[in-house]
Amino acid sequence: MDRPDIRERLHYYAAEFEKLKDAAEPLPQAQEENVEIAAAQFDRPIWAYGLNDLKWMFASESNRDTSVMFVSLANRSVS
């Protein structure tokens, strides 16, 4: 914030947001309703359910390994 040009812009946008906030209509009060909450339990990642049977992809409890491997890729070619 030591740069006056940036500080002026930020103050301008802050003032504009305050104008929008002041002009906004208050939200209507929520009415009490009976809400039913349910929980779902998943045994695999959610994205896996649309891909048919992927059980081969997930290790069974007896085959789990304690190590984790991270692999990275770097493209060092210059265009």
N, C-alpha and C. Protein backbone atom coordinates (compact mmCIF):
# COMPACT_ATOMS: atom_id res chain seq x y z
N MET A 1 0.81 -1.20 0.00
CA MET A 1 0.00 0.00 0.00
C MET A 1 0.86 1.26 0.00
N ASP A 2 2.12 1.13 -0.27
CA ASP A 2 2.97 2.31 -0.32
C ASP A 2 2.90 3.02 -1.66
N ARG A 3 2.15 2.45 -2.59
CA ARG A 3 2.03 3.08 -3.90
C ARG A 3 0.72 3.87 -3.96
N PRO A 4 0.80 5.19 -4.11
CA PRO A 4 -0.42 6.02 -4.12
C PRO A 4 -1.36 5.69 -5.27
N ASP A 5 -0.83 5.30 -6.44
CA ASP A 5 -1.72 5.01 -7.57
C ASP A 5 -2.59 3.79 -7.29
N ILE A 6 -2.02 2.80 -6.66
CA ILE A 6 -2.80 1.60 -6.33
C ILE A 6 -3.76 1.90 -5.18
N ARG A 7 -3.31 2.66 -4.20
CA ARG A 7 -4.15 3.00 -3.06
C ARG A 7 -5.39 3.75 -3.53
N GLU A 8 -5.24 4.68 -4.47
CA GLU A 8 -6.39 5.44 -4.98
C GLU A 8 -7.39 4.53 -5.67
N ARG A 9 -6.89 3.59 -6.46
CA ARG A 9 -7.80 2.65 -7.14
C ARG A 9 -8.55 1.79 -6.13
N LEU A 10 -7.83 1.30 -5.13
CA LEU A 10 -8.49 0.45 -4.13
C LEU A 10 -9.54 1.23 -3.36
N HIS A 11 -9.26 2.47 -3.02
CA HIS A 11 -10.25 3.28 -2.31
C HIS A 11 -11.46 3.54 -3.20
N TYR A 12 -11.22 3.75 -4.50
CA TYR A 12 -12.34 3.96 -5.43
C TYR A 12 -13.26 2.74 -5.45
N TYR A 13 -12.66 1.54 -5.62
CA TYR A 13 -13.47 0.33 -5.68
C TYR A 13 -14.14 0.03 -4.34
N ALA A 14 -13.46 0.32 -3.24
CA ALA A 14 -14.09 0.12 -1.93
C ALA A 14 -15.32 1.02 -1.78
N ALA A 15 -15.22 2.28 -2.23
CA ALA A 15 -16.35 3.19 -2.17
C ALA A 15 -17.50 2.72 -3.06
N GLU A 16 -17.17 2.21 -4.24
CA GLU A 16 -18.21 1.70 -5.14
C GLU A 16 -18.94 0.51 -4.53
N PHE A 17 -18.19 -0.40 -3.90
CA PHE A 17 -18.82 -1.55 -3.25
C PHE A 17 -19.70 -1.11 -2.08
N GLU A 18 -19.28 -0.11 -1.35
CA GLU A 18 -20.09 0.41 -0.25
C GLU A 18 -21.40 0.99 -0.79
N LYS A 19 -21.35 1.69 -1.94
CA LYS A 19 -22.56 2.23 -2.54
C LYS A 19 -23.52 1.10 -2.92
N LEU A 20 -22.97 0.02 -3.51
CA LEU A 20 -23.81 -1.12 -3.88
C LEU A 20 -24.42 -1.78 -2.65
N LYS A 21 -23.62 -1.89 -1.59
CA LYS A 21 -24.11 -2.53 -0.37
C LYS A 21 -25.22 -1.70 0.26
N ASP A 22 -25.05 -0.37 0.26
CA ASP A 22 -26.06 0.50 0.84
C ASP A 22 -27.35 0.50 0.02
N ALA A 23 -27.24 0.36 -1.30
CA ALA A 23 -28.41 0.39 -2.18
C ALA A 23 -29.14 -0.95 -2.23
N ALA A 24 -28.50 -2.00 -1.76
CA ALA A 24 -29.11 -3.34 -1.86
C ALA A 24 -30.31 -3.44 -0.92
N GLU A 25 -31.31 -4.17 -1.37
CA GLU A 25 -32.50 -4.39 -0.55
C GLU A 25 -32.16 -5.43 0.52
N PRO A 26 -32.74 -5.29 1.68
CA PRO A 26 -32.47 -6.30 2.71
C PRO A 26 -33.04 -7.65 2.30
N LEU A 27 -32.37 -8.70 2.72
CA LEU A 27 -32.82 -10.05 2.41
C LEU A 27 -34.10 -10.35 3.17
N PRO A 28 -35.02 -11.07 2.55
CA PRO A 28 -36.24 -11.43 3.27
C PRO A 28 -35.91 -12.40 4.40
N GLN A 29 -36.67 -12.29 5.47
CA GLN A 29 -36.46 -13.17 6.61
C GLN A 29 -36.91 -14.58 6.26
N ALA A 30 -36.10 -15.54 6.62
CA ALA A 30 -36.43 -16.94 6.35
C ALA A 30 -37.56 -17.39 7.26
N GLN A 31 -38.47 -18.15 6.71
CA GLN A 31 -39.57 -18.69 7.50
C GLN A 31 -39.14 -20.05 8.03
N GLU A 32 -39.63 -20.36 9.21
CA GLU A 32 -39.28 -21.65 9.79
C GLU A 32 -39.95 -22.77 9.00
N GLU A 33 -39.16 -23.74 8.63
CA GLU A 33 -39.66 -24.90 7.91
C GLU A 33 -39.06 -26.14 8.53
N ASN A 34 -39.74 -27.25 8.37
CA ASN A 34 -39.17 -28.51 8.81
C ASN A 34 -38.20 -28.98 7.75
N VAL A 35 -36.95 -29.04 8.11
CA VAL A 35 -35.91 -29.43 7.18
C VAL A 35 -35.40 -30.82 7.57
N GLU A 36 -35.35 -31.69 6.59
CA GLU A 36 -34.83 -33.03 6.85
C GLU A 36 -33.42 -33.11 6.30
N ILE A 37 -32.51 -33.55 7.12
CA ILE A 37 -31.11 -33.66 6.73
C ILE A 37 -30.75 -35.14 6.66
N ALA A 38 -30.12 -35.52 5.55
CA ALA A 38 -29.69 -36.90 5.37
C ALA A 38 -28.21 -36.92 5.02
N ALA A 39 -27.53 -37.95 5.43
CA ALA A 39 -26.11 -38.11 5.13
C ALA A 39 -25.94 -39.30 4.20
N ALA A 40 -24.99 -39.19 3.30
CA ALA A 40 -24.68 -40.29 2.38
C ALA A 40 -23.25 -40.74 2.65
N GLN A 41 -23.04 -42.02 2.60
CA GLN A 41 -21.71 -42.59 2.81
C GLN A 41 -21.22 -43.14 1.48
N PHE A 42 -19.99 -42.80 1.11
CA PHE A 42 -19.40 -43.25 -0.14
C PHE A 42 -18.20 -44.12 0.17
N ASP A 43 -18.05 -45.21 -0.57
CA ASP A 43 -16.91 -46.10 -0.34
C ASP A 43 -15.78 -45.88 -1.34
N ARG A 44 -15.95 -44.91 -2.23
CA ARG A 44 -14.90 -44.54 -3.19
C ARG A 44 -15.12 -43.09 -3.58
N PRO A 45 -14.19 -42.49 -4.30
CA PRO A 45 -14.36 -41.08 -4.69
C PRO A 45 -15.63 -40.87 -5.50
N ILE A 46 -16.24 -39.73 -5.34
CA ILE A 46 -17.53 -39.46 -5.98
C ILE A 46 -17.43 -39.52 -7.50
N TRP A 47 -16.28 -39.13 -8.07
CA TRP A 47 -16.14 -39.15 -9.53
C TRP A 47 -16.11 -40.56 -10.08
N ALA A 48 -15.83 -41.56 -9.25
CA ALA A 48 -15.71 -42.93 -9.72
C ALA A 48 -17.08 -43.58 -9.97
N TYR A 49 -18.15 -43.04 -9.41
CA TYR A 49 -19.46 -43.68 -9.55
C TYR A 49 -19.98 -43.61 -10.98
N GLY A 50 -19.61 -42.62 -11.76
CA GLY A 50 -20.09 -42.51 -13.14
C GLY A 50 -19.25 -43.30 -14.14
N LEU A 51 -18.20 -43.97 -13.67
CA LEU A 51 -17.30 -44.67 -14.58
C LEU A 51 -17.44 -46.19 -14.51
N ASN A 52 -18.64 -46.66 -14.21
CA ASN A 52 -18.92 -48.09 -14.11
C ASN A 52 -18.09 -48.75 -13.02
N ASP A 53 -17.64 -49.98 -13.22
CA ASP A 53 -16.96 -50.73 -12.17
C ASP A 53 -15.46 -50.45 -12.21
N LEU A 54 -14.95 -49.75 -11.23
CA LEU A 54 -13.52 -49.43 -11.15
C LEU A 54 -12.86 -50.08 -9.95
N LYS A 55 -13.39 -51.20 -9.48
CA LYS A 55 -12.82 -51.83 -8.29
C LYS A 55 -11.38 -52.26 -8.49
N TRP A 56 -10.97 -52.53 -9.71
CA TRP A 56 -9.58 -52.91 -9.98
C TRP A 56 -8.63 -51.76 -9.67
N MET A 57 -9.16 -50.53 -9.71
CA MET A 57 -8.33 -49.36 -9.52
C MET A 57 -7.99 -49.11 -8.05
N PHE A 58 -8.85 -49.57 -7.16
CA PHE A 58 -8.67 -49.31 -5.74
C PHE A 58 -8.14 -50.57 -5.06
N ALA A 59 -7.09 -50.41 -4.29
CA ALA A 59 -6.47 -51.54 -3.61
C ALA A 59 -7.40 -52.05 -2.52
N SER A 60 -7.39 -53.36 -2.34
CA SER A 60 -8.17 -53.92 -1.25
C SER A 60 -7.46 -53.64 0.07
N GLU A 61 -8.17 -53.83 1.16
CA GLU A 61 -7.59 -53.55 2.48
C GLU A 61 -6.35 -54.40 2.74
N SER A 62 -6.32 -55.62 2.23
CA SER A 62 -5.18 -56.51 2.48
C SER A 62 -3.98 -56.16 1.61
N ASN A 63 -4.19 -55.47 0.48
CA ASN A 63 -3.10 -55.13 -0.44
C ASN A 63 -2.60 -53.70 -0.28
N ARG A 64 -3.07 -52.98 0.69
CA ARG A 64 -2.66 -51.58 0.84
C ARG A 64 -1.20 -51.49 1.23
N ASP A 65 -0.52 -50.55 0.61
CA ASP A 65 0.89 -50.30 0.90
C ASP A 65 0.98 -49.06 1.77
N THR A 66 2.05 -48.93 2.49
CA THR A 66 2.21 -47.77 3.37
C THR A 66 3.02 -46.66 2.74
N SER A 67 3.44 -46.81 1.50
CA SER A 67 4.25 -45.78 0.87
C SER A 67 3.41 -45.00 -0.15
N VAL A 68 3.85 -43.78 -0.40
CA VAL A 68 3.18 -42.90 -1.35
C VAL A 68 4.23 -42.41 -2.32
N MET A 69 3.88 -42.35 -3.62
CA MET A 69 4.83 -41.88 -4.62
C MET A 69 4.27 -40.61 -5.26
N PHE A 70 5.11 -39.57 -5.33
CA PHE A 70 4.76 -38.33 -6.01
C PHE A 70 5.60 -38.24 -7.27
N VAL A 71 4.96 -37.95 -8.40
CA VAL A 71 5.65 -37.84 -9.68
C VAL A 71 5.37 -36.44 -10.23
N SER A 72 6.41 -35.80 -10.70
CA SER A 72 6.21 -34.48 -11.29
C SER A 72 6.73 -34.48 -12.72
N LEU A 73 6.29 -33.53 -13.48
CA LEU A 73 6.67 -33.40 -14.88
C LEU A 73 7.09 -31.97 -15.12
N ALA A 74 8.21 -31.80 -15.78
CA ALA A 74 8.66 -30.46 -16.14
C ALA A 74 8.97 -30.45 -17.62
N ASN A 75 8.38 -29.52 -18.33
CA ASN A 75 8.65 -29.37 -19.76
C ASN A 75 9.67 -28.26 -19.90
N ARG A 76 10.92 -28.63 -20.15
CA ARG A 76 11.99 -27.65 -20.18
C ARG A 76 12.29 -27.16 -21.59
N SER A 77 11.49 -27.57 -22.56
CA SER A 77 11.75 -27.13 -23.93
C SER A 77 11.38 -25.66 -24.08
N VAL A 78 12.18 -24.94 -24.82
CA VAL A 78 11.95 -23.51 -25.04
C VAL A 78 11.47 -23.33 -26.47
N SER A 79 10.38 -22.62 -26.61
CA SER A 79 9.82 -22.41 -27.96
C SER A 79 10.53 -21.28 -28.65
